[in-house]
Amino acid sequence: MTTTFKAKTRSLVVVGGLLLLMGLAFTSVVQAASLTNAEKYWLTYMREEEKLARDVYLVLYDKWRLAIFSNISQSEQTHMDAIRTLLDRYGLPDPAKAEVGAFTDPALQAAYDKLIAQGSVSDVEALKAGVTIEETDIDDLGVAIDAATRKDIKTVYNNLLQGSLNHLKAFVSNLAKYGVTYEP
C-alpha cells in the first residue's frame, strides 16, 4: 500500500511539473503574441545593436588600450542583458551570436565591419567610431521608445537611452583631450 501511494505521489509530481512547464511555455507564447510587430522588431534589433557596441569596444580596447572602451563595453554588456531579459520574458528568440563580431542582421554586420575599419586607423578614429555608435543608438532608442506600448519595455529603453547619452558625453570628452571638437 505504501509503495502504491509513493508511486501515485511520484506520478502526480511528474504530471504537475509537466503542467507547470507547459503553462510557462504557453504564457511566453501569449506574451509574445501580445507584443506589436514593432515591439518584436525593436527588441531583437536592439539586442544586436547593443552587442555591436560591446563588440566594437572590446576590439578597440584590445587595439588601443584606452580605458573608455573597456569601461563602456562592460556597460554595453549590461544593456545586452537587459534586452535579453525582455526577450526571455516575451518568449522571443535571441538573435545575438556568441562570437564577437558576428551578427544575424546583415546591416549590423556591415556597420560592425565599417566601424572596426575606422577605429583601427588611430585612437582618435576609434573614439569617433564610439561617437557614431552612441549617436546611432540614441536615434534608434528614440524610435523604439515611440513604438513601445508596454511599460517594462519603455523603462528598459529609457534606461538604455540615458546610458547612451552618458557614453556619448564620455567619448566627446575623450576626443576633446586630443583637441577634437564634437560636431553632431
N, C-alpha and C. Protein backbone atom coordinates (compact mmCIF):
# COMPACT_ATOMS: atom_id res chain seq x y z
N MET A 1 0.83 -1.19 0.00
CA MET A 1 0.00 0.00 0.00
C MET A 1 0.88 1.25 0.00
N THR A 2 1.95 1.27 0.79
CA THR A 2 2.87 2.40 0.84
C THR A 2 3.54 2.58 -0.51
N THR A 3 3.91 1.47 -1.17
CA THR A 3 4.54 1.54 -2.48
C THR A 3 3.58 2.16 -3.49
N THR A 4 2.34 1.81 -3.47
CA THR A 4 1.34 2.36 -4.38
C THR A 4 1.15 3.85 -4.13
N PHE A 5 1.12 4.23 -2.85
CA PHE A 5 0.97 5.64 -2.51
C PHE A 5 2.17 6.45 -3.01
N LYS A 6 3.38 5.92 -2.81
CA LYS A 6 4.59 6.60 -3.28
C LYS A 6 4.60 6.71 -4.80
N ALA A 7 4.19 5.66 -5.48
CA ALA A 7 4.16 5.67 -6.95
C ALA A 7 3.16 6.70 -7.44
N LYS A 8 1.99 6.76 -6.80
CA LYS A 8 0.97 7.74 -7.21
C LYS A 8 1.46 9.17 -6.94
N THR A 9 2.11 9.35 -5.79
CA THR A 9 2.64 10.67 -5.45
C THR A 9 3.70 11.10 -6.45
N ARG A 10 4.58 10.17 -6.80
CA ARG A 10 5.64 10.46 -7.77
C ARG A 10 5.01 10.83 -9.12
N SER A 11 3.99 10.09 -9.52
CA SER A 11 3.31 10.35 -10.79
C SER A 11 2.65 11.72 -10.77
N LEU A 12 2.03 12.08 -9.66
CA LEU A 12 1.39 13.38 -9.54
C LEU A 12 2.42 14.52 -9.61
N VAL A 13 3.56 14.30 -8.98
CA VAL A 13 4.63 15.32 -9.02
C VAL A 13 5.13 15.50 -10.45
N VAL A 14 5.35 14.41 -11.15
CA VAL A 14 5.83 14.49 -12.54
C VAL A 14 4.79 15.18 -13.42
N VAL A 15 3.54 14.78 -13.30
CA VAL A 15 2.47 15.39 -14.11
C VAL A 15 2.34 16.87 -13.76
N GLY A 16 2.40 17.19 -12.48
CA GLY A 16 2.32 18.59 -12.06
C GLY A 16 3.45 19.42 -12.62
N GLY A 17 4.64 18.86 -12.59
CA GLY A 17 5.79 19.56 -13.16
C GLY A 17 5.64 19.80 -14.65
N LEU A 18 5.16 18.80 -15.35
CA LEU A 18 4.93 18.95 -16.80
C LEU A 18 3.89 20.01 -17.08
N LEU A 19 2.81 20.02 -16.31
CA LEU A 19 1.76 21.03 -16.49
C LEU A 19 2.32 22.43 -16.22
N LEU A 20 3.15 22.57 -15.21
CA LEU A 20 3.77 23.85 -14.91
C LEU A 20 4.63 24.32 -16.07
N LEU A 21 5.46 23.44 -16.61
CA LEU A 21 6.31 23.80 -17.75
C LEU A 21 5.47 24.18 -18.97
N MET A 22 4.41 23.43 -19.21
CA MET A 22 3.53 23.75 -20.34
C MET A 22 2.88 25.11 -20.13
N GLY A 23 2.49 25.40 -18.90
CA GLY A 23 1.88 26.69 -18.59
C GLY A 23 2.84 27.83 -18.81
N LEU A 24 4.10 27.65 -18.40
CA LEU A 24 5.11 28.68 -18.61
C LEU A 24 5.37 28.89 -20.09
N ALA A 25 5.45 27.82 -20.84
CA ALA A 25 5.67 27.93 -22.29
C ALA A 25 4.50 28.64 -22.94
N PHE A 26 3.28 28.30 -22.52
CA PHE A 26 2.08 28.93 -23.08
C PHE A 26 2.06 30.42 -22.75
N THR A 27 2.45 30.77 -21.52
CA THR A 27 2.49 32.17 -21.11
C THR A 27 3.44 32.96 -21.99
N SER A 28 4.61 32.40 -22.30
CA SER A 28 5.58 33.08 -23.16
C SER A 28 5.00 33.30 -24.55
N VAL A 29 4.31 32.29 -25.07
CA VAL A 29 3.72 32.42 -26.40
C VAL A 29 2.65 33.49 -26.38
N VAL A 30 1.81 33.50 -25.35
CA VAL A 30 0.76 34.51 -25.24
C VAL A 30 1.38 35.89 -25.11
N GLN A 31 2.44 36.02 -24.28
CA GLN A 31 3.07 37.32 -24.11
C GLN A 31 3.69 37.80 -25.42
N ALA A 32 4.35 36.92 -26.14
CA ALA A 32 4.96 37.30 -27.41
C ALA A 32 3.88 37.71 -28.39
N ALA A 33 2.77 36.99 -28.38
CA ALA A 33 1.68 37.32 -29.29
C ALA A 33 1.07 38.67 -28.95
N SER A 34 1.17 39.09 -27.68
CA SER A 34 0.57 40.36 -27.28
C SER A 34 1.45 41.56 -27.64
N LEU A 35 2.68 41.32 -28.05
CA LEU A 35 3.54 42.41 -28.49
C LEU A 35 3.18 42.81 -29.91
N THR A 36 3.36 44.08 -30.21
CA THR A 36 3.16 44.51 -31.59
C THR A 36 4.34 44.04 -32.42
N ASN A 37 4.18 44.03 -33.72
CA ASN A 37 5.29 43.66 -34.60
C ASN A 37 6.47 44.61 -34.42
N ALA A 38 6.17 45.90 -34.21
CA ALA A 38 7.23 46.88 -34.00
C ALA A 38 8.00 46.57 -32.71
N GLU A 39 7.29 46.19 -31.65
CA GLU A 39 7.96 45.87 -30.39
C GLU A 39 8.85 44.64 -30.56
N LYS A 40 8.35 43.63 -31.26
CA LYS A 40 9.16 42.43 -31.51
C LYS A 40 10.41 42.79 -32.31
N TYR A 41 10.22 43.60 -33.37
CA TYR A 41 11.36 44.01 -34.20
C TYR A 41 12.40 44.74 -33.37
N TRP A 42 11.97 45.76 -32.62
CA TRP A 42 12.93 46.59 -31.89
C TRP A 42 13.62 45.83 -30.78
N LEU A 43 12.92 44.91 -30.12
CA LEU A 43 13.59 44.13 -29.08
C LEU A 43 14.72 43.29 -29.66
N THR A 44 14.45 42.62 -30.77
CA THR A 44 15.50 41.79 -31.37
C THR A 44 16.60 42.65 -31.99
N TYR A 45 16.21 43.76 -32.61
CA TYR A 45 17.21 44.64 -33.22
C TYR A 45 18.11 45.28 -32.15
N MET A 46 17.50 45.76 -31.07
CA MET A 46 18.29 46.42 -30.03
C MET A 46 19.24 45.45 -29.34
N ARG A 47 18.85 44.20 -29.24
CA ARG A 47 19.76 43.20 -28.65
C ARG A 47 21.05 43.14 -29.46
N GLU A 48 20.90 43.08 -30.77
CA GLU A 48 22.11 43.00 -31.62
C GLU A 48 22.82 44.35 -31.71
N GLU A 49 22.08 45.45 -31.66
CA GLU A 49 22.74 46.75 -31.72
C GLU A 49 23.59 46.98 -30.47
N GLU A 50 23.09 46.55 -29.32
CA GLU A 50 23.89 46.65 -28.09
C GLU A 50 25.11 45.73 -28.17
N LYS A 51 24.94 44.58 -28.78
CA LYS A 51 26.06 43.65 -28.99
C LYS A 51 27.10 44.29 -29.90
N LEU A 52 26.65 44.97 -30.95
CA LEU A 52 27.57 45.64 -31.86
C LEU A 52 28.44 46.62 -31.07
N ALA A 53 27.81 47.44 -30.23
CA ALA A 53 28.56 48.41 -29.43
C ALA A 53 29.58 47.69 -28.55
N ARG A 54 29.12 46.67 -27.84
CA ARG A 54 30.03 45.94 -26.95
C ARG A 54 31.20 45.33 -27.72
N ASP A 55 30.89 44.68 -28.83
CA ASP A 55 31.94 44.01 -29.60
C ASP A 55 32.95 44.99 -30.18
N VAL A 56 32.47 46.10 -30.72
CA VAL A 56 33.39 47.11 -31.26
C VAL A 56 34.29 47.63 -30.15
N TYR A 57 33.71 47.93 -29.00
CA TYR A 57 34.51 48.48 -27.90
C TYR A 57 35.52 47.46 -27.37
N LEU A 58 35.16 46.19 -27.34
CA LEU A 58 36.11 45.17 -26.92
C LEU A 58 37.31 45.11 -27.87
N VAL A 59 37.04 45.12 -29.17
CA VAL A 59 38.11 45.05 -30.17
C VAL A 59 38.97 46.31 -30.12
N LEU A 60 38.33 47.47 -29.99
CA LEU A 60 39.10 48.71 -29.97
C LEU A 60 39.90 48.86 -28.68
N TYR A 61 39.40 48.31 -27.59
CA TYR A 61 40.19 48.31 -26.37
C TYR A 61 41.45 47.46 -26.56
N ASP A 62 41.29 46.30 -27.16
CA ASP A 62 42.45 45.44 -27.41
C ASP A 62 43.48 46.14 -28.29
N LYS A 63 43.02 46.93 -29.24
CA LYS A 63 43.93 47.62 -30.16
C LYS A 63 44.61 48.83 -29.51
N TRP A 64 43.82 49.68 -28.82
CA TRP A 64 44.34 50.97 -28.36
C TRP A 64 44.55 51.06 -26.85
N ARG A 65 44.01 50.15 -26.09
CA ARG A 65 44.15 50.12 -24.63
C ARG A 65 43.65 51.40 -23.96
N LEU A 66 42.64 52.03 -24.54
CA LEU A 66 42.01 53.20 -23.92
C LEU A 66 40.95 52.70 -22.95
N ALA A 67 41.02 53.16 -21.70
CA ALA A 67 40.12 52.68 -20.65
C ALA A 67 38.65 52.87 -21.00
N ILE A 68 38.33 53.92 -21.74
CA ILE A 68 36.93 54.19 -22.08
C ILE A 68 36.29 53.00 -22.79
N PHE A 69 37.05 52.32 -23.63
CA PHE A 69 36.48 51.18 -24.36
C PHE A 69 36.22 50.00 -23.44
N SER A 70 37.09 49.78 -22.49
CA SER A 70 36.87 48.70 -21.52
C SER A 70 35.66 49.01 -20.65
N ASN A 71 35.61 50.24 -20.13
CA ASN A 71 34.52 50.63 -19.25
C ASN A 71 33.16 50.57 -19.94
N ILE A 72 33.09 51.12 -21.12
CA ILE A 72 31.79 51.19 -21.81
C ILE A 72 31.40 49.83 -22.37
N SER A 73 32.36 48.99 -22.72
CA SER A 73 31.98 47.64 -23.18
C SER A 73 31.28 46.87 -22.06
N GLN A 74 31.70 47.09 -20.82
CA GLN A 74 31.03 46.45 -19.69
C GLN A 74 29.60 46.97 -19.54
N SER A 75 29.42 48.25 -19.74
CA SER A 75 28.08 48.84 -19.69
C SER A 75 27.20 48.28 -20.81
N GLU A 76 27.78 48.13 -21.99
CA GLU A 76 27.02 47.57 -23.12
C GLU A 76 26.61 46.13 -22.84
N GLN A 77 27.43 45.39 -22.12
CA GLN A 77 27.04 44.03 -21.73
C GLN A 77 25.80 44.08 -20.84
N THR A 78 25.76 45.05 -19.94
CA THR A 78 24.59 45.23 -19.09
C THR A 78 23.37 45.56 -19.93
N HIS A 79 23.55 46.39 -20.94
CA HIS A 79 22.44 46.73 -21.86
C HIS A 79 21.96 45.47 -22.57
N MET A 80 22.91 44.67 -23.05
CA MET A 80 22.54 43.41 -23.72
C MET A 80 21.74 42.51 -22.79
N ASP A 81 22.18 42.43 -21.54
CA ASP A 81 21.49 41.59 -20.56
C ASP A 81 20.07 42.08 -20.30
N ALA A 82 19.89 43.38 -20.25
CA ALA A 82 18.55 43.94 -20.02
C ALA A 82 17.61 43.59 -21.16
N ILE A 83 18.10 43.69 -22.39
CA ILE A 83 17.27 43.32 -23.55
C ILE A 83 17.01 41.81 -23.55
N ARG A 84 18.02 41.03 -23.19
CA ARG A 84 17.84 39.58 -23.13
C ARG A 84 16.74 39.19 -22.14
N THR A 85 16.68 39.90 -21.02
CA THR A 85 15.63 39.65 -20.04
C THR A 85 14.25 39.87 -20.67
N LEU A 86 14.12 40.93 -21.47
CA LEU A 86 12.84 41.19 -22.14
C LEU A 86 12.54 40.13 -23.19
N LEU A 87 13.55 39.73 -23.95
CA LEU A 87 13.35 38.67 -24.95
C LEU A 87 12.84 37.40 -24.27
N ASP A 88 13.46 37.04 -23.16
CA ASP A 88 13.05 35.85 -22.42
C ASP A 88 11.63 36.01 -21.87
N ARG A 89 11.35 37.19 -21.31
CA ARG A 89 10.03 37.43 -20.72
C ARG A 89 8.93 37.26 -21.76
N TYR A 90 9.20 37.70 -22.98
CA TYR A 90 8.17 37.66 -24.02
C TYR A 90 8.31 36.47 -24.96
N GLY A 91 9.21 35.57 -24.63
CA GLY A 91 9.34 34.34 -25.42
C GLY A 91 9.86 34.56 -26.82
N LEU A 92 10.69 35.59 -27.00
CA LEU A 92 11.26 35.87 -28.32
C LEU A 92 12.64 35.24 -28.44
N PRO A 93 13.00 34.76 -29.62
CA PRO A 93 14.34 34.17 -29.79
C PRO A 93 15.42 35.25 -29.70
N ASP A 94 16.56 34.85 -29.21
CA ASP A 94 17.70 35.76 -29.09
C ASP A 94 18.50 35.71 -30.39
N PRO A 95 18.59 36.83 -31.11
CA PRO A 95 19.34 36.84 -32.37
C PRO A 95 20.85 36.93 -32.19
N ALA A 96 21.31 37.28 -30.99
CA ALA A 96 22.73 37.55 -30.77
C ALA A 96 23.55 36.27 -30.82
N LYS A 97 24.58 36.31 -31.65
CA LYS A 97 25.54 35.19 -31.72
C LYS A 97 26.59 35.37 -30.64
N ALA A 98 27.12 34.27 -30.16
CA ALA A 98 28.11 34.32 -29.08
C ALA A 98 29.44 34.92 -29.54
N GLU A 99 29.80 34.69 -30.78
CA GLU A 99 31.10 35.12 -31.30
C GLU A 99 31.18 36.65 -31.44
N VAL A 100 32.25 37.22 -30.96
CA VAL A 100 32.48 38.66 -31.11
C VAL A 100 32.58 38.98 -32.60
N GLY A 101 31.84 40.00 -33.02
CA GLY A 101 31.89 40.45 -34.41
C GLY A 101 31.01 39.68 -35.37
N ALA A 102 30.15 38.81 -34.87
CA ALA A 102 29.24 38.03 -35.74
C ALA A 102 27.80 38.44 -35.44
N PHE A 103 27.07 38.78 -36.51
CA PHE A 103 25.72 39.31 -36.36
C PHE A 103 24.75 38.61 -37.30
N THR A 104 23.53 38.46 -36.85
CA THR A 104 22.46 37.88 -37.65
C THR A 104 21.99 38.88 -38.71
N ASP A 105 21.86 40.13 -38.30
CA ASP A 105 21.37 41.19 -39.18
C ASP A 105 22.51 41.65 -40.09
N PRO A 106 22.33 41.50 -41.43
CA PRO A 106 23.41 41.90 -42.36
C PRO A 106 23.79 43.37 -42.27
N ALA A 107 22.82 44.24 -41.99
CA ALA A 107 23.13 45.67 -41.87
C ALA A 107 24.02 45.93 -40.66
N LEU A 108 23.76 45.24 -39.57
CA LEU A 108 24.60 45.40 -38.38
C LEU A 108 25.98 44.79 -38.61
N GLN A 109 26.05 43.70 -39.36
CA GLN A 109 27.34 43.11 -39.69
C GLN A 109 28.17 44.10 -40.51
N ALA A 110 27.54 44.74 -41.49
CA ALA A 110 28.25 45.72 -42.32
C ALA A 110 28.68 46.93 -41.47
N ALA A 111 27.81 47.37 -40.58
CA ALA A 111 28.15 48.50 -39.71
C ALA A 111 29.34 48.15 -38.81
N TYR A 112 29.31 46.95 -38.25
CA TYR A 112 30.42 46.49 -37.40
C TYR A 112 31.73 46.51 -38.18
N ASP A 113 31.72 45.94 -39.36
CA ASP A 113 32.94 45.88 -40.18
C ASP A 113 33.46 47.28 -40.49
N LYS A 114 32.56 48.20 -40.81
CA LYS A 114 32.95 49.58 -41.12
C LYS A 114 33.52 50.28 -39.88
N LEU A 115 32.88 50.09 -38.74
CA LEU A 115 33.35 50.74 -37.51
C LEU A 115 34.70 50.20 -37.06
N ILE A 116 34.92 48.91 -37.22
CA ILE A 116 36.22 48.32 -36.88
C ILE A 116 37.30 48.87 -37.81
N ALA A 117 36.99 48.97 -39.09
CA ALA A 117 37.96 49.54 -40.04
C ALA A 117 38.29 50.98 -39.66
N GLN A 118 37.28 51.77 -39.35
CA GLN A 118 37.51 53.16 -38.95
C GLN A 118 38.33 53.22 -37.68
N GLY A 119 37.92 52.46 -36.67
CA GLY A 119 38.56 52.52 -35.37
C GLY A 119 39.96 51.96 -35.34
N SER A 120 40.33 51.21 -36.37
CA SER A 120 41.68 50.63 -36.44
C SER A 120 42.70 51.60 -37.01
N VAL A 121 42.25 52.72 -37.55
CA VAL A 121 43.14 53.71 -38.17
C VAL A 121 43.98 54.43 -37.11
N SER A 122 43.32 54.90 -36.05
CA SER A 122 44.01 55.64 -34.99
C SER A 122 43.12 55.66 -33.76
N ASP A 123 43.72 56.08 -32.64
CA ASP A 123 42.92 56.16 -31.43
C ASP A 123 41.83 57.22 -31.54
N VAL A 124 42.12 58.32 -32.23
CA VAL A 124 41.10 59.36 -32.44
C VAL A 124 39.95 58.81 -33.29
N GLU A 125 40.27 58.09 -34.35
CA GLU A 125 39.23 57.50 -35.19
C GLU A 125 38.43 56.45 -34.41
N ALA A 126 39.09 55.77 -33.50
CA ALA A 126 38.39 54.80 -32.64
C ALA A 126 37.37 55.52 -31.77
N LEU A 127 37.77 56.66 -31.19
CA LEU A 127 36.83 57.44 -30.38
C LEU A 127 35.68 57.99 -31.22
N LYS A 128 35.98 58.38 -32.44
CA LYS A 128 34.92 58.85 -33.35
C LYS A 128 33.95 57.72 -33.69
N ALA A 129 34.48 56.52 -33.82
CA ALA A 129 33.60 55.37 -34.05
C ALA A 129 32.66 55.19 -32.85
N GLY A 130 33.18 55.40 -31.66
CA GLY A 130 32.35 55.34 -30.46
C GLY A 130 31.24 56.37 -30.49
N VAL A 131 31.57 57.57 -30.93
CA VAL A 131 30.55 58.62 -31.06
C VAL A 131 29.47 58.18 -32.05
N THR A 132 29.88 57.64 -33.17
CA THR A 132 28.92 57.18 -34.18
C THR A 132 27.99 56.11 -33.61
N ILE A 133 28.57 55.17 -32.89
CA ILE A 133 27.76 54.10 -32.29
C ILE A 133 26.72 54.69 -31.34
N GLU A 134 27.15 55.57 -30.46
CA GLU A 134 26.23 56.12 -29.45
C GLU A 134 25.18 57.02 -30.09
N GLU A 135 25.55 57.81 -31.09
CA GLU A 135 24.54 58.63 -31.78
C GLU A 135 23.49 57.75 -32.45
N THR A 136 23.94 56.69 -33.09
CA THR A 136 23.01 55.76 -33.74
C THR A 136 22.10 55.10 -32.72
N ASP A 137 22.70 54.67 -31.63
CA ASP A 137 21.93 54.02 -30.56
C ASP A 137 20.88 54.97 -30.01
N ILE A 138 21.25 56.23 -29.77
CA ILE A 138 20.31 57.24 -29.25
C ILE A 138 19.15 57.43 -30.22
N ASP A 139 19.45 57.56 -31.50
CA ASP A 139 18.39 57.72 -32.50
C ASP A 139 17.47 56.51 -32.54
N ASP A 140 18.06 55.32 -32.56
CA ASP A 140 17.25 54.09 -32.64
C ASP A 140 16.42 53.89 -31.38
N LEU A 141 16.98 54.19 -30.24
CA LEU A 141 16.22 54.06 -29.00
C LEU A 141 15.04 55.02 -28.97
N GLY A 142 15.21 56.21 -29.53
CA GLY A 142 14.08 57.14 -29.62
C GLY A 142 12.92 56.55 -30.40
N VAL A 143 13.23 55.92 -31.52
CA VAL A 143 12.20 55.28 -32.34
C VAL A 143 11.60 54.09 -31.60
N ALA A 144 12.44 53.29 -30.96
CA ALA A 144 11.97 52.11 -30.23
C ALA A 144 11.06 52.51 -29.07
N ILE A 145 11.41 53.58 -28.37
CA ILE A 145 10.57 54.07 -27.26
C ILE A 145 9.21 54.48 -27.79
N ASP A 146 9.20 55.20 -28.90
CA ASP A 146 7.93 55.63 -29.50
C ASP A 146 7.07 54.45 -29.94
N ALA A 147 7.71 53.36 -30.36
CA ALA A 147 6.99 52.17 -30.85
C ALA A 147 6.51 51.27 -29.71
N ALA A 148 7.10 51.42 -28.53
CA ALA A 148 6.78 50.53 -27.41
C ALA A 148 5.44 50.92 -26.78
N THR A 149 4.66 49.90 -26.46
CA THR A 149 3.38 50.13 -25.78
C THR A 149 3.41 49.61 -24.35
N ARG A 150 4.38 48.78 -24.04
CA ARG A 150 4.45 48.18 -22.70
C ARG A 150 5.41 48.96 -21.81
N LYS A 151 4.98 49.15 -20.59
CA LYS A 151 5.76 49.96 -19.63
C LYS A 151 7.14 49.38 -19.37
N ASP A 152 7.24 48.05 -19.21
CA ASP A 152 8.55 47.46 -18.91
C ASP A 152 9.54 47.66 -20.05
N ILE A 153 9.05 47.59 -21.27
CA ILE A 153 9.92 47.80 -22.43
C ILE A 153 10.36 49.26 -22.50
N LYS A 154 9.41 50.18 -22.32
CA LYS A 154 9.75 51.61 -22.32
C LYS A 154 10.76 51.95 -21.23
N THR A 155 10.58 51.34 -20.05
CA THR A 155 11.50 51.60 -18.94
C THR A 155 12.92 51.16 -19.29
N VAL A 156 13.06 49.97 -19.84
CA VAL A 156 14.39 49.48 -20.22
C VAL A 156 14.99 50.38 -21.29
N TYR A 157 14.21 50.71 -22.31
CA TYR A 157 14.72 51.57 -23.38
C TYR A 157 15.14 52.94 -22.83
N ASN A 158 14.36 53.52 -21.94
CA ASN A 158 14.72 54.82 -21.37
C ASN A 158 16.01 54.72 -20.56
N ASN A 159 16.20 53.62 -19.84
CA ASN A 159 17.45 53.42 -19.11
C ASN A 159 18.64 53.28 -20.07
N LEU A 160 18.43 52.54 -21.16
CA LEU A 160 19.50 52.39 -22.15
C LEU A 160 19.80 53.74 -22.81
N LEU A 161 18.76 54.52 -23.05
CA LEU A 161 18.96 55.85 -23.65
C LEU A 161 19.82 56.72 -22.74
N GLN A 162 19.52 56.71 -21.45
CA GLN A 162 20.33 57.50 -20.51
C GLN A 162 21.78 57.03 -20.53
N GLY A 163 21.97 55.72 -20.57
CA GLY A 163 23.33 55.18 -20.64
C GLY A 163 24.04 55.63 -21.90
N SER A 164 23.35 55.60 -23.02
CA SER A 164 23.97 56.00 -24.29
C SER A 164 24.30 57.49 -24.30
N LEU A 165 23.46 58.30 -23.70
CA LEU A 165 23.76 59.74 -23.60
C LEU A 165 25.03 59.95 -22.76
N ASN A 166 25.16 59.20 -21.69
CA ASN A 166 26.38 59.28 -20.86
C ASN A 166 27.60 58.79 -21.63
N HIS A 167 27.44 57.73 -22.40
CA HIS A 167 28.56 57.22 -23.19
C HIS A 167 29.00 58.25 -24.23
N LEU A 168 28.02 58.88 -24.88
CA LEU A 168 28.33 59.90 -25.88
C LEU A 168 29.14 61.04 -25.23
N LYS A 169 28.71 61.48 -24.07
CA LYS A 169 29.45 62.55 -23.36
C LYS A 169 30.88 62.11 -23.06
N ALA A 170 31.04 60.86 -22.67
CA ALA A 170 32.39 60.36 -22.35
C ALA A 170 33.27 60.33 -23.59
N PHE A 171 32.73 59.90 -24.72
CA PHE A 171 33.52 59.88 -25.96
C PHE A 171 33.88 61.30 -26.39
N VAL A 172 32.92 62.21 -26.29
CA VAL A 172 33.18 63.61 -26.67
C VAL A 172 34.26 64.20 -25.76
N SER A 173 34.20 63.91 -24.48
CA SER A 173 35.20 64.39 -23.53
C SER A 173 36.58 63.83 -23.87
N ASN A 174 36.65 62.57 -24.22
CA ASN A 174 37.94 61.97 -24.60
C ASN A 174 38.48 62.56 -25.89
N LEU A 175 37.60 62.83 -26.85
CA LEU A 175 38.04 63.46 -28.09
C LEU A 175 38.61 64.85 -27.82
N ALA A 176 37.99 65.58 -26.89
CA ALA A 176 38.47 66.93 -26.56
C ALA A 176 39.91 66.90 -26.05
N LYS A 177 40.28 65.82 -25.38
CA LYS A 177 41.66 65.67 -24.88
C LYS A 177 42.67 65.60 -26.04
N TYR A 178 42.18 65.21 -27.22
CA TYR A 178 43.02 65.15 -28.42
C TYR A 178 42.85 66.42 -29.27
N GLY A 179 42.12 67.39 -28.74
CA GLY A 179 41.90 68.63 -29.46
C GLY A 179 40.83 68.53 -30.54
N VAL A 180 40.00 67.50 -30.48
CA VAL A 180 38.95 67.31 -31.48
C VAL A 180 37.63 67.81 -30.91
N THR A 181 36.99 68.70 -31.65
CA THR A 181 35.70 69.25 -31.24
C THR A 181 34.58 68.42 -31.83
N TYR A 182 33.63 68.06 -30.99
CA TYR A 182 32.47 67.26 -31.42
C TYR A 182 31.47 68.13 -32.16
N GLU A 183 31.07 67.64 -33.32
CA GLU A 183 30.02 68.29 -34.10
C GLU A 183 28.98 67.25 -34.47
N PRO A 184 27.78 67.37 -33.86
CA PRO A 184 26.73 66.36 -34.16
C PRO A 184 26.31 66.36 -35.61
